[in-house]
Amino acid sequence: MGQGRQWFSDANWTFRDPAGLQALLPQLNAYLQHISHHQHIPPQNIALLGFSQGAMTLLYSLPSLTPAPAALICMAGAMPVPPTQKPSSQTPILFLHGLDDDVLPADTSLAAQAYYQSHGTQTELHLLPNLGHGFNMESLAHIGVFLQAIFTTTALDPTTPTP
């Protein structure tokens, strides 16, 4: 089983530090470009998922990502700092948040969704009862349905290798 990536540590700056979040953009863009160019996966075949601080990072970074991914999935996240660039509406976002989250209240996903919707982004939100700061089978089912809808309406590149 793989290990998740912690994009930032709160040791030297807070989650509300735009400079800290801005410093992550080159890393995230380099990762996307590596996938696109070296692994030959076109952007329209890429969906990014972030949990907690990963979701915060993605929500801040989305308008600056090149290439833009086909979809974004934000689980138990927040958007404490609005992006520096105006969001485009090309990347749909799925928000999932437990109603019993004692780390980040579910209202944080509602606020992030409202921000992106106000910029014309297609969003979907599921607030999950009896779920804390984590994910469960219901959240995984929502992800599956969301990705199926994205990738059946977006033509997948037939030259992309499948695992």
N, C-alpha and C. Protein backbone atom coordinates (compact mmCIF):
# COMPACT_ATOMS: atom_id res chain seq x y z
N MET A 1 0.84 -1.18 0.00
CA MET A 1 0.00 0.00 0.00
C MET A 1 0.88 1.24 0.00
N GLY A 2 0.57 2.20 -0.84
CA GLY A 2 1.36 3.42 -0.95
C GLY A 2 1.14 4.38 0.20
N GLN A 3 2.04 5.30 0.32
CA GLN A 3 1.95 6.31 1.36
C GLN A 3 1.44 7.60 0.73
N GLY A 4 0.54 8.29 1.41
CA GLY A 4 0.00 9.55 0.91
C GLY A 4 1.04 10.65 0.99
N ARG A 5 0.80 11.70 0.25
CA ARG A 5 1.73 12.82 0.23
C ARG A 5 1.18 13.93 1.12
N GLN A 6 2.00 14.45 1.99
CA GLN A 6 1.66 15.62 2.78
C GLN A 6 2.26 16.81 2.06
N TRP A 7 1.41 17.67 1.51
CA TRP A 7 1.89 18.76 0.69
C TRP A 7 2.56 19.85 1.50
N PHE A 8 2.10 20.05 2.71
CA PHE A 8 2.72 21.08 3.52
C PHE A 8 2.61 20.72 4.99
N SER A 9 3.46 21.30 5.77
CA SER A 9 3.46 21.13 7.21
C SER A 9 3.08 22.46 7.83
N ASP A 10 2.33 22.41 8.90
CA ASP A 10 1.91 23.63 9.56
C ASP A 10 2.97 24.11 10.56
N ALA A 11 4.18 23.57 10.48
CA ALA A 11 5.24 23.91 11.43
C ALA A 11 5.76 25.33 11.23
N ASN A 12 5.91 25.78 10.00
CA ASN A 12 6.51 27.08 9.73
C ASN A 12 5.53 28.12 9.19
N TRP A 13 4.32 27.71 8.83
CA TRP A 13 3.32 28.64 8.34
C TRP A 13 1.95 28.05 8.55
N THR A 14 0.92 28.86 8.44
CA THR A 14 -0.43 28.37 8.69
C THR A 14 -1.12 28.04 7.38
N PHE A 15 -2.27 27.39 7.50
CA PHE A 15 -3.06 27.04 6.32
C PHE A 15 -3.61 28.28 5.63
N ARG A 16 -3.53 29.41 6.28
CA ARG A 16 -4.03 30.66 5.70
C ARG A 16 -2.90 31.51 5.12
N ASP A 17 -1.79 30.90 4.84
CA ASP A 17 -0.61 31.60 4.35
C ASP A 17 -0.55 31.49 2.82
N PRO A 18 -0.94 32.54 2.09
CA PRO A 18 -0.90 32.46 0.62
C PRO A 18 0.49 32.17 0.08
N ALA A 19 1.52 32.69 0.72
CA ALA A 19 2.88 32.46 0.21
C ALA A 19 3.25 30.98 0.31
N GLY A 20 2.85 30.34 1.37
CA GLY A 20 3.13 28.91 1.51
C GLY A 20 2.40 28.09 0.47
N LEU A 21 1.13 28.40 0.26
CA LEU A 21 0.37 27.68 -0.77
C LEU A 21 0.93 27.96 -2.16
N GLN A 22 1.31 29.22 -2.40
CA GLN A 22 1.89 29.58 -3.70
C GLN A 22 3.18 28.82 -3.97
N ALA A 23 3.94 28.56 -2.92
CA ALA A 23 5.21 27.84 -3.07
C ALA A 23 4.99 26.40 -3.52
N LEU A 24 3.80 25.86 -3.32
CA LEU A 24 3.51 24.48 -3.71
C LEU A 24 3.19 24.33 -5.19
N LEU A 25 2.78 25.40 -5.82
CA LEU A 25 2.36 25.32 -7.22
C LEU A 25 3.41 24.71 -8.15
N PRO A 26 4.67 25.10 -8.06
CA PRO A 26 5.65 24.48 -8.96
C PRO A 26 5.75 22.96 -8.77
N GLN A 27 5.63 22.49 -7.54
CA GLN A 27 5.69 21.04 -7.29
C GLN A 27 4.51 20.33 -7.93
N LEU A 28 3.33 20.88 -7.74
CA LEU A 28 2.13 20.26 -8.28
C LEU A 28 2.12 20.31 -9.80
N ASN A 29 2.52 21.44 -10.38
CA ASN A 29 2.60 21.54 -11.84
C ASN A 29 3.65 20.59 -12.40
N ALA A 30 4.78 20.47 -11.72
CA ALA A 30 5.82 19.53 -12.17
C ALA A 30 5.28 18.10 -12.15
N TYR A 31 4.52 17.77 -11.12
CA TYR A 31 3.92 16.43 -11.02
C TYR A 31 2.97 16.18 -12.19
N LEU A 32 2.10 17.15 -12.48
CA LEU A 32 1.16 17.00 -13.60
C LEU A 32 1.88 16.89 -14.93
N GLN A 33 2.89 17.70 -15.12
CA GLN A 33 3.64 17.65 -16.37
C GLN A 33 4.38 16.32 -16.51
N HIS A 34 4.89 15.80 -15.41
CA HIS A 34 5.56 14.50 -15.44
C HIS A 34 4.57 13.41 -15.89
N ILE A 35 3.39 13.42 -15.31
CA ILE A 35 2.38 12.42 -15.69
C ILE A 35 2.02 12.57 -17.16
N SER A 36 1.81 13.80 -17.60
CA SER A 36 1.40 14.04 -18.99
C SER A 36 2.49 13.68 -19.99
N HIS A 37 3.71 14.13 -19.72
CA HIS A 37 4.78 13.98 -20.71
C HIS A 37 5.55 12.66 -20.58
N HIS A 38 5.88 12.27 -19.39
CA HIS A 38 6.73 11.10 -19.22
C HIS A 38 5.95 9.79 -19.11
N GLN A 39 4.74 9.87 -18.60
CA GLN A 39 3.93 8.67 -18.53
C GLN A 39 2.88 8.63 -19.64
N HIS A 40 2.88 9.66 -20.48
CA HIS A 40 2.03 9.74 -21.67
C HIS A 40 0.54 9.61 -21.34
N ILE A 41 0.12 10.29 -20.28
CA ILE A 41 -1.29 10.33 -19.91
C ILE A 41 -1.77 11.76 -20.18
N PRO A 42 -2.64 11.93 -21.16
CA PRO A 42 -3.09 13.28 -21.48
C PRO A 42 -3.94 13.87 -20.34
N PRO A 43 -3.94 15.19 -20.20
CA PRO A 43 -4.66 15.84 -19.10
C PRO A 43 -6.14 15.47 -19.02
N GLN A 44 -6.76 15.25 -20.17
CA GLN A 44 -8.19 14.89 -20.15
C GLN A 44 -8.43 13.51 -19.56
N ASN A 45 -7.37 12.79 -19.25
CA ASN A 45 -7.48 11.47 -18.61
C ASN A 45 -7.02 11.51 -17.15
N ILE A 46 -6.77 12.70 -16.62
CA ILE A 46 -6.25 12.83 -15.26
C ILE A 46 -7.30 13.42 -14.34
N ALA A 47 -7.53 12.76 -13.22
CA ALA A 47 -8.37 13.28 -12.14
C ALA A 47 -7.48 13.33 -10.90
N LEU A 48 -7.57 14.41 -10.15
CA LEU A 48 -6.78 14.56 -8.93
C LEU A 48 -7.69 14.48 -7.72
N LEU A 49 -7.24 13.75 -6.71
CA LEU A 49 -7.99 13.62 -5.46
C LEU A 49 -7.13 14.15 -4.33
N GLY A 50 -7.72 14.98 -3.50
CA GLY A 50 -7.03 15.50 -2.33
C GLY A 50 -7.88 15.28 -1.09
N PHE A 51 -7.25 14.82 -0.03
CA PHE A 51 -7.92 14.64 1.25
C PHE A 51 -7.35 15.65 2.25
N SER A 52 -8.21 16.37 2.92
CA SER A 52 -7.84 17.32 3.96
C SER A 52 -6.88 18.38 3.41
N GLN A 53 -5.62 18.38 3.84
CA GLN A 53 -4.72 19.41 3.33
C GLN A 53 -4.42 19.21 1.85
N GLY A 54 -4.54 18.01 1.35
CA GLY A 54 -4.42 17.79 -0.10
C GLY A 54 -5.55 18.47 -0.85
N ALA A 55 -6.76 18.44 -0.28
CA ALA A 55 -7.90 19.14 -0.89
C ALA A 55 -7.68 20.64 -0.83
N MET A 56 -7.15 21.14 0.30
CA MET A 56 -6.86 22.57 0.40
C MET A 56 -5.87 23.00 -0.68
N THR A 57 -4.86 22.19 -0.86
CA THR A 57 -3.83 22.49 -1.85
C THR A 57 -4.43 22.51 -3.26
N LEU A 58 -5.26 21.51 -3.57
CA LEU A 58 -5.86 21.45 -4.91
C LEU A 58 -6.83 22.59 -5.16
N LEU A 59 -7.63 22.95 -4.16
CA LEU A 59 -8.60 24.02 -4.35
C LEU A 59 -7.91 25.36 -4.58
N TYR A 60 -6.80 25.58 -3.90
CA TYR A 60 -6.03 26.80 -4.11
C TYR A 60 -5.33 26.78 -5.47
N SER A 61 -4.82 25.63 -5.84
CA SER A 61 -3.96 25.50 -7.03
C SER A 61 -4.71 25.35 -8.34
N LEU A 62 -5.93 24.88 -8.31
CA LEU A 62 -6.64 24.51 -9.54
C LEU A 62 -6.55 25.56 -10.65
N PRO A 63 -6.81 26.85 -10.38
CA PRO A 63 -6.73 27.80 -11.50
C PRO A 63 -5.35 27.96 -12.12
N SER A 64 -4.32 27.54 -11.41
CA SER A 64 -2.94 27.70 -11.90
C SER A 64 -2.35 26.41 -12.44
N LEU A 65 -3.10 25.33 -12.43
CA LEU A 65 -2.54 24.05 -12.88
C LEU A 65 -2.43 24.00 -14.39
N THR A 66 -1.25 23.59 -14.85
CA THR A 66 -1.03 23.39 -16.27
C THR A 66 -0.27 22.08 -16.45
N PRO A 67 -0.86 21.14 -17.09
CA PRO A 67 -2.18 21.18 -17.71
C PRO A 67 -3.29 21.04 -16.66
N ALA A 68 -4.48 21.52 -17.01
CA ALA A 68 -5.62 21.38 -16.11
C ALA A 68 -6.10 19.93 -16.14
N PRO A 69 -6.40 19.36 -14.99
CA PRO A 69 -6.91 17.98 -14.97
C PRO A 69 -8.36 17.91 -15.44
N ALA A 70 -8.82 16.72 -15.76
CA ALA A 70 -10.20 16.52 -16.20
C ALA A 70 -11.18 16.66 -15.05
N ALA A 71 -10.74 16.38 -13.83
CA ALA A 71 -11.64 16.44 -12.67
C ALA A 71 -10.84 16.60 -11.40
N LEU A 72 -11.52 17.11 -10.38
CA LEU A 72 -10.92 17.29 -9.06
C LEU A 72 -11.87 16.70 -8.03
N ILE A 73 -11.31 15.95 -7.09
CA ILE A 73 -12.09 15.38 -6.00
C ILE A 73 -11.51 15.90 -4.69
N CYS A 74 -12.34 16.57 -3.91
CA CYS A 74 -11.89 17.17 -2.65
C CYS A 74 -12.64 16.52 -1.50
N MET A 75 -11.89 15.80 -0.68
CA MET A 75 -12.48 15.09 0.46
C MET A 75 -12.05 15.76 1.76
N ALA A 76 -13.04 16.14 2.58
CA ALA A 76 -12.79 16.72 3.90
C ALA A 76 -11.83 17.88 3.82
N GLY A 77 -12.06 18.76 2.87
CA GLY A 77 -11.15 19.87 2.64
C GLY A 77 -11.73 21.21 3.00
N ALA A 78 -11.00 22.23 2.64
CA ALA A 78 -11.38 23.61 2.89
C ALA A 78 -10.64 24.50 1.91
N MET A 79 -11.05 25.75 1.85
CA MET A 79 -10.35 26.72 1.02
C MET A 79 -10.12 27.96 1.87
N PRO A 80 -9.15 27.90 2.79
CA PRO A 80 -8.93 29.04 3.67
C PRO A 80 -8.36 30.27 2.97
N VAL A 81 -7.75 30.07 1.80
CA VAL A 81 -7.19 31.17 1.02
C VAL A 81 -7.72 31.03 -0.41
N PRO A 82 -8.40 32.07 -0.93
CA PRO A 82 -8.85 31.97 -2.32
C PRO A 82 -7.66 31.95 -3.28
N PRO A 83 -7.82 31.29 -4.42
CA PRO A 83 -6.74 31.26 -5.41
C PRO A 83 -6.36 32.66 -5.87
N THR A 84 -5.12 32.80 -6.30
CA THR A 84 -4.67 34.10 -6.80
C THR A 84 -5.19 34.36 -8.21
N GLN A 85 -5.44 33.30 -8.96
CA GLN A 85 -5.98 33.45 -10.31
C GLN A 85 -7.47 33.14 -10.29
N LYS A 86 -8.20 33.75 -11.22
CA LYS A 86 -9.63 33.48 -11.33
C LYS A 86 -9.83 32.06 -11.85
N PRO A 87 -10.69 31.28 -11.18
CA PRO A 87 -10.94 29.91 -11.65
C PRO A 87 -11.60 29.90 -13.03
N SER A 88 -11.24 28.90 -13.81
CA SER A 88 -11.95 28.66 -15.07
C SER A 88 -12.99 27.59 -14.77
N SER A 89 -13.91 27.43 -15.65
CA SER A 89 -14.98 26.47 -15.39
C SER A 89 -14.72 25.11 -16.03
N GLN A 90 -13.51 24.87 -16.53
CA GLN A 90 -13.28 23.65 -17.30
C GLN A 90 -13.12 22.38 -16.47
N THR A 91 -12.73 22.47 -15.20
CA THR A 91 -12.50 21.28 -14.39
C THR A 91 -13.60 21.12 -13.35
N PRO A 92 -14.48 20.12 -13.51
CA PRO A 92 -15.52 19.90 -12.51
C PRO A 92 -14.93 19.39 -11.19
N ILE A 93 -15.61 19.73 -10.09
CA ILE A 93 -15.12 19.38 -8.76
C ILE A 93 -16.19 18.61 -7.99
N LEU A 94 -15.77 17.50 -7.38
CA LEU A 94 -16.60 16.74 -6.46
C LEU A 94 -16.13 17.04 -5.04
N PHE A 95 -17.06 17.49 -4.19
CA PHE A 95 -16.77 17.74 -2.78
C PHE A 95 -17.44 16.65 -1.95
N LEU A 96 -16.68 16.05 -1.05
CA LEU A 96 -17.19 15.05 -0.11
C LEU A 96 -16.75 15.45 1.29
N HIS A 97 -17.70 15.45 2.23
CA HIS A 97 -17.33 15.86 3.59
C HIS A 97 -18.23 15.17 4.59
N GLY A 98 -17.64 14.65 5.64
CA GLY A 98 -18.40 14.02 6.72
C GLY A 98 -19.06 15.07 7.59
N LEU A 99 -20.32 14.84 7.94
CA LEU A 99 -21.04 15.77 8.80
C LEU A 99 -20.54 15.72 10.24
N ASP A 100 -19.83 14.67 10.59
CA ASP A 100 -19.29 14.54 11.95
C ASP A 100 -17.80 14.82 12.01
N ASP A 101 -17.29 15.57 11.04
CA ASP A 101 -15.86 15.90 10.98
C ASP A 101 -15.52 16.87 12.11
N ASP A 102 -14.64 16.44 13.01
CA ASP A 102 -14.25 17.30 14.12
C ASP A 102 -12.91 18.01 13.87
N VAL A 103 -12.33 17.83 12.69
CA VAL A 103 -11.09 18.51 12.31
C VAL A 103 -11.42 19.73 11.45
N LEU A 104 -12.18 19.52 10.41
CA LEU A 104 -12.65 20.60 9.53
C LEU A 104 -14.16 20.45 9.41
N PRO A 105 -14.93 21.44 9.84
CA PRO A 105 -16.38 21.31 9.73
C PRO A 105 -16.82 21.25 8.27
N ALA A 106 -17.94 20.58 8.04
CA ALA A 106 -18.46 20.41 6.67
C ALA A 106 -18.76 21.74 6.00
N ASP A 107 -18.99 22.79 6.79
CA ASP A 107 -19.24 24.12 6.21
C ASP A 107 -18.08 24.58 5.34
N THR A 108 -16.87 24.08 5.60
CA THR A 108 -15.72 24.50 4.80
C THR A 108 -15.86 24.03 3.35
N SER A 109 -16.42 22.85 3.17
CA SER A 109 -16.65 22.38 1.79
C SER A 109 -17.78 23.15 1.13
N LEU A 110 -18.81 23.50 1.91
CA LEU A 110 -19.90 24.31 1.37
C LEU A 110 -19.38 25.66 0.88
N ALA A 111 -18.51 26.29 1.65
CA ALA A 111 -17.94 27.58 1.26
C ALA A 111 -17.08 27.46 0.02
N ALA A 112 -16.26 26.41 -0.06
CA ALA A 112 -15.40 26.21 -1.24
C ALA A 112 -16.25 25.94 -2.47
N GLN A 113 -17.30 25.15 -2.31
CA GLN A 113 -18.19 24.88 -3.43
C GLN A 113 -18.85 26.17 -3.91
N ALA A 114 -19.33 26.99 -2.98
CA ALA A 114 -19.98 28.25 -3.35
C ALA A 114 -19.02 29.15 -4.12
N TYR A 115 -17.77 29.20 -3.69
CA TYR A 115 -16.76 30.02 -4.37
C TYR A 115 -16.59 29.56 -5.82
N TYR A 116 -16.38 28.27 -6.00
CA TYR A 116 -16.15 27.78 -7.36
C TYR A 116 -17.42 27.87 -8.22
N GLN A 117 -18.57 27.62 -7.63
CA GLN A 117 -19.82 27.77 -8.39
C GLN A 117 -20.01 29.21 -8.85
N SER A 118 -19.62 30.16 -8.00
CA SER A 118 -19.78 31.58 -8.38
C SER A 118 -18.90 31.95 -9.57
N HIS A 119 -17.93 31.11 -9.88
CA HIS A 119 -17.07 31.33 -11.05
C HIS A 119 -17.43 30.40 -12.21
N GLY A 120 -18.59 29.76 -12.12
CA GLY A 120 -19.09 28.95 -13.23
C GLY A 120 -18.59 27.52 -13.28
N THR A 121 -17.90 27.08 -12.24
CA THR A 121 -17.38 25.71 -12.21
C THR A 121 -18.49 24.73 -11.87
N GLN A 122 -18.55 23.63 -12.59
CA GLN A 122 -19.50 22.56 -12.30
C GLN A 122 -19.04 21.86 -11.02
N THR A 123 -19.91 21.81 -10.02
CA THR A 123 -19.55 21.16 -8.76
C THR A 123 -20.63 20.19 -8.35
N GLU A 124 -20.23 19.28 -7.50
CA GLU A 124 -21.14 18.32 -6.88
C GLU A 124 -20.70 18.19 -5.43
N LEU A 125 -21.66 18.20 -4.50
CA LEU A 125 -21.34 18.13 -3.08
C LEU A 125 -22.14 17.03 -2.42
N HIS A 126 -21.46 16.22 -1.61
CA HIS A 126 -22.13 15.21 -0.80
C HIS A 126 -21.66 15.37 0.64
N LEU A 127 -22.59 15.69 1.52
CA LEU A 127 -22.32 15.75 2.95
C LEU A 127 -22.78 14.42 3.53
N LEU A 128 -21.85 13.71 4.14
CA LEU A 128 -22.09 12.32 4.53
C LEU A 128 -22.34 12.19 6.03
N PRO A 129 -23.53 11.71 6.40
CA PRO A 129 -23.82 11.52 7.82
C PRO A 129 -22.96 10.40 8.43
N ASN A 130 -22.72 10.52 9.72
CA ASN A 130 -21.96 9.50 10.47
C ASN A 130 -20.54 9.31 9.96
N LEU A 131 -19.98 10.35 9.38
CA LEU A 131 -18.60 10.27 8.91
C LEU A 131 -17.82 11.43 9.50
N GLY A 132 -16.68 11.12 10.09
CA GLY A 132 -15.81 12.13 10.65
C GLY A 132 -14.81 12.60 9.61
N HIS A 133 -13.59 12.86 10.03
CA HIS A 133 -12.53 13.33 9.14
C HIS A 133 -11.90 12.11 8.47
N GLY A 134 -12.55 11.64 7.45
CA GLY A 134 -12.08 10.44 6.77
C GLY A 134 -12.95 10.16 5.57
N PHE A 135 -12.93 8.91 5.14
CA PHE A 135 -13.77 8.49 4.03
C PHE A 135 -14.28 7.10 4.32
N ASN A 136 -15.33 6.72 3.61
CA ASN A 136 -15.95 5.42 3.81
C ASN A 136 -16.41 4.87 2.46
N MET A 137 -17.12 3.76 2.49
CA MET A 137 -17.58 3.15 1.25
C MET A 137 -18.55 4.05 0.50
N GLU A 138 -19.37 4.80 1.22
CA GLU A 138 -20.30 5.71 0.55
C GLU A 138 -19.54 6.80 -0.22
N SER A 139 -18.50 7.34 0.40
CA SER A 139 -17.73 8.37 -0.30
C SER A 139 -17.02 7.77 -1.52
N LEU A 140 -16.52 6.56 -1.38
CA LEU A 140 -15.88 5.91 -2.53
C LEU A 140 -16.88 5.65 -3.65
N ALA A 141 -18.12 5.31 -3.30
CA ALA A 141 -19.15 5.10 -4.32
C ALA A 141 -19.44 6.41 -5.06
N HIS A 142 -19.51 7.52 -4.33
CA HIS A 142 -19.74 8.82 -4.98
C HIS A 142 -18.58 9.15 -5.95
N ILE A 143 -17.38 8.82 -5.54
CA ILE A 143 -16.22 9.06 -6.41
C ILE A 143 -16.34 8.25 -7.69
N GLY A 144 -16.71 6.99 -7.56
CA GLY A 144 -16.86 6.13 -8.73
C GLY A 144 -17.89 6.65 -9.71
N VAL A 145 -19.04 7.07 -9.20
CA VAL A 145 -20.10 7.60 -10.06
C VAL A 145 -19.64 8.89 -10.74
N PHE A 146 -19.00 9.77 -9.97
CA PHE A 146 -18.50 11.04 -10.51
C PHE A 146 -17.49 10.80 -11.63
N LEU A 147 -16.52 9.95 -11.38
CA LEU A 147 -15.49 9.68 -12.40
C LEU A 147 -16.08 9.01 -13.63
N GLN A 148 -17.02 8.11 -13.42
CA GLN A 148 -17.66 7.47 -14.56
C GLN A 148 -18.36 8.51 -15.43
N ALA A 149 -19.05 9.46 -14.80
CA ALA A 149 -19.73 10.51 -15.56
C ALA A 149 -18.72 11.38 -16.29
N ILE A 150 -17.62 11.72 -15.64
CA ILE A 150 -16.60 12.57 -16.27
C ILE A 150 -15.96 11.86 -17.45
N PHE A 151 -15.56 10.62 -17.25
CA PHE A 151 -14.79 9.94 -18.29
C PHE A 151 -15.65 9.27 -19.35
N THR A 152 -16.96 9.25 -19.19
CA THR A 152 -17.79 8.78 -20.29
C THR A 152 -18.25 9.95 -21.14
N THR A 153 -18.19 11.18 -20.58
CA THR A 153 -18.53 12.35 -21.39
C THR A 153 -17.29 12.98 -22.00
N THR A 154 -16.13 12.68 -21.46
CA THR A 154 -14.86 13.16 -22.01
C THR A 154 -14.22 11.97 -22.71
N ALA A 155 -13.94 12.12 -23.97
CA ALA A 155 -13.36 11.01 -24.72
C ALA A 155 -11.97 10.69 -24.19
N LEU A 156 -11.80 9.46 -23.74
CA LEU A 156 -10.48 9.02 -23.30
C LEU A 156 -9.60 8.75 -24.50
N ASP A 157 -8.37 9.08 -24.38
CA ASP A 157 -7.41 8.86 -25.45
C ASP A 157 -7.12 7.36 -25.53
N PRO A 158 -7.42 6.74 -26.67
CA PRO A 158 -7.22 5.29 -26.79
C PRO A 158 -5.76 4.87 -26.74
N THR A 159 -4.84 5.81 -26.90
CA THR A 159 -3.43 5.45 -26.86
C THR A 159 -2.87 5.42 -25.44
N THR A 160 -3.70 5.83 -24.47
CA THR A 160 -3.25 5.83 -23.07
C THR A 160 -3.17 4.40 -22.57
N PRO A 161 -2.00 4.00 -22.05
CA PRO A 161 -1.90 2.63 -21.53
C PRO A 161 -2.75 2.46 -20.29
N THR A 162 -3.33 1.29 -20.16
CA THR A 162 -4.11 0.98 -18.96
C THR A 162 -3.30 0.06 -18.08
N PRO A 163 -3.45 0.23 -16.75
CA PRO A 163 -2.65 -0.62 -15.84
C PRO A 163 -3.05 -2.08 -15.90
